[in-house]
Amino acid sequence: MIQIIIINGPNLNLLGKRQPEIYGTTSFDDYFYNLEKEFPEFNLHYYQSNHEGDIIDKLHQVGFTYDGIVLNAGGFTHTSIAIADALLAITTPVVEVHLTDIYKRESFRHINYVKNSAIWSVVGLGLEGYKQAIQYLKVNVIMNKL
């Protein structure tokens, strides 16, 4: 079965609670349940960590065997050369997701170390961005393998 993992970085475990005026009121666990129903043909996995090294370890673990990775590195997008290097080291295609439009926010958020390693970016669509990322992997990567 096709395996796709969503990896979320720091503070994304607080979705639904954290700044609902920016990030909404739906928890990621609730949204993930809907994604599983929407994409029954895939074995979807979800991993979240507030720790940079744990995210790197997970990328190393799945980055040669899974069919796709959807990554929202959160604040590490703007700071982590180590995550960028991990993405360059793996072979599994990565789609980057940001809930908000990072290019219309504070200037420090315009720095993006993930973008060059991703095959596509979804920015500013809220939780819907994850669905768009999976759909992109389905049409542009996975269907080409079958």
Foldseek 3Di string as FASTA:
>chain_A
DAEEEEEEEPPLQCQLNPPCVQQNNDRVVVVVVVVCVVCVVYDYYYYYDHDPVVSLVVCVVCQAPHQEYEYARDPCQLPPPPVLVSLVVGDHAYEYEDQAALVPDDPSSVRGSNVVSHPYYHHHNHPVSVVVRVVCSVPPGVVVVD
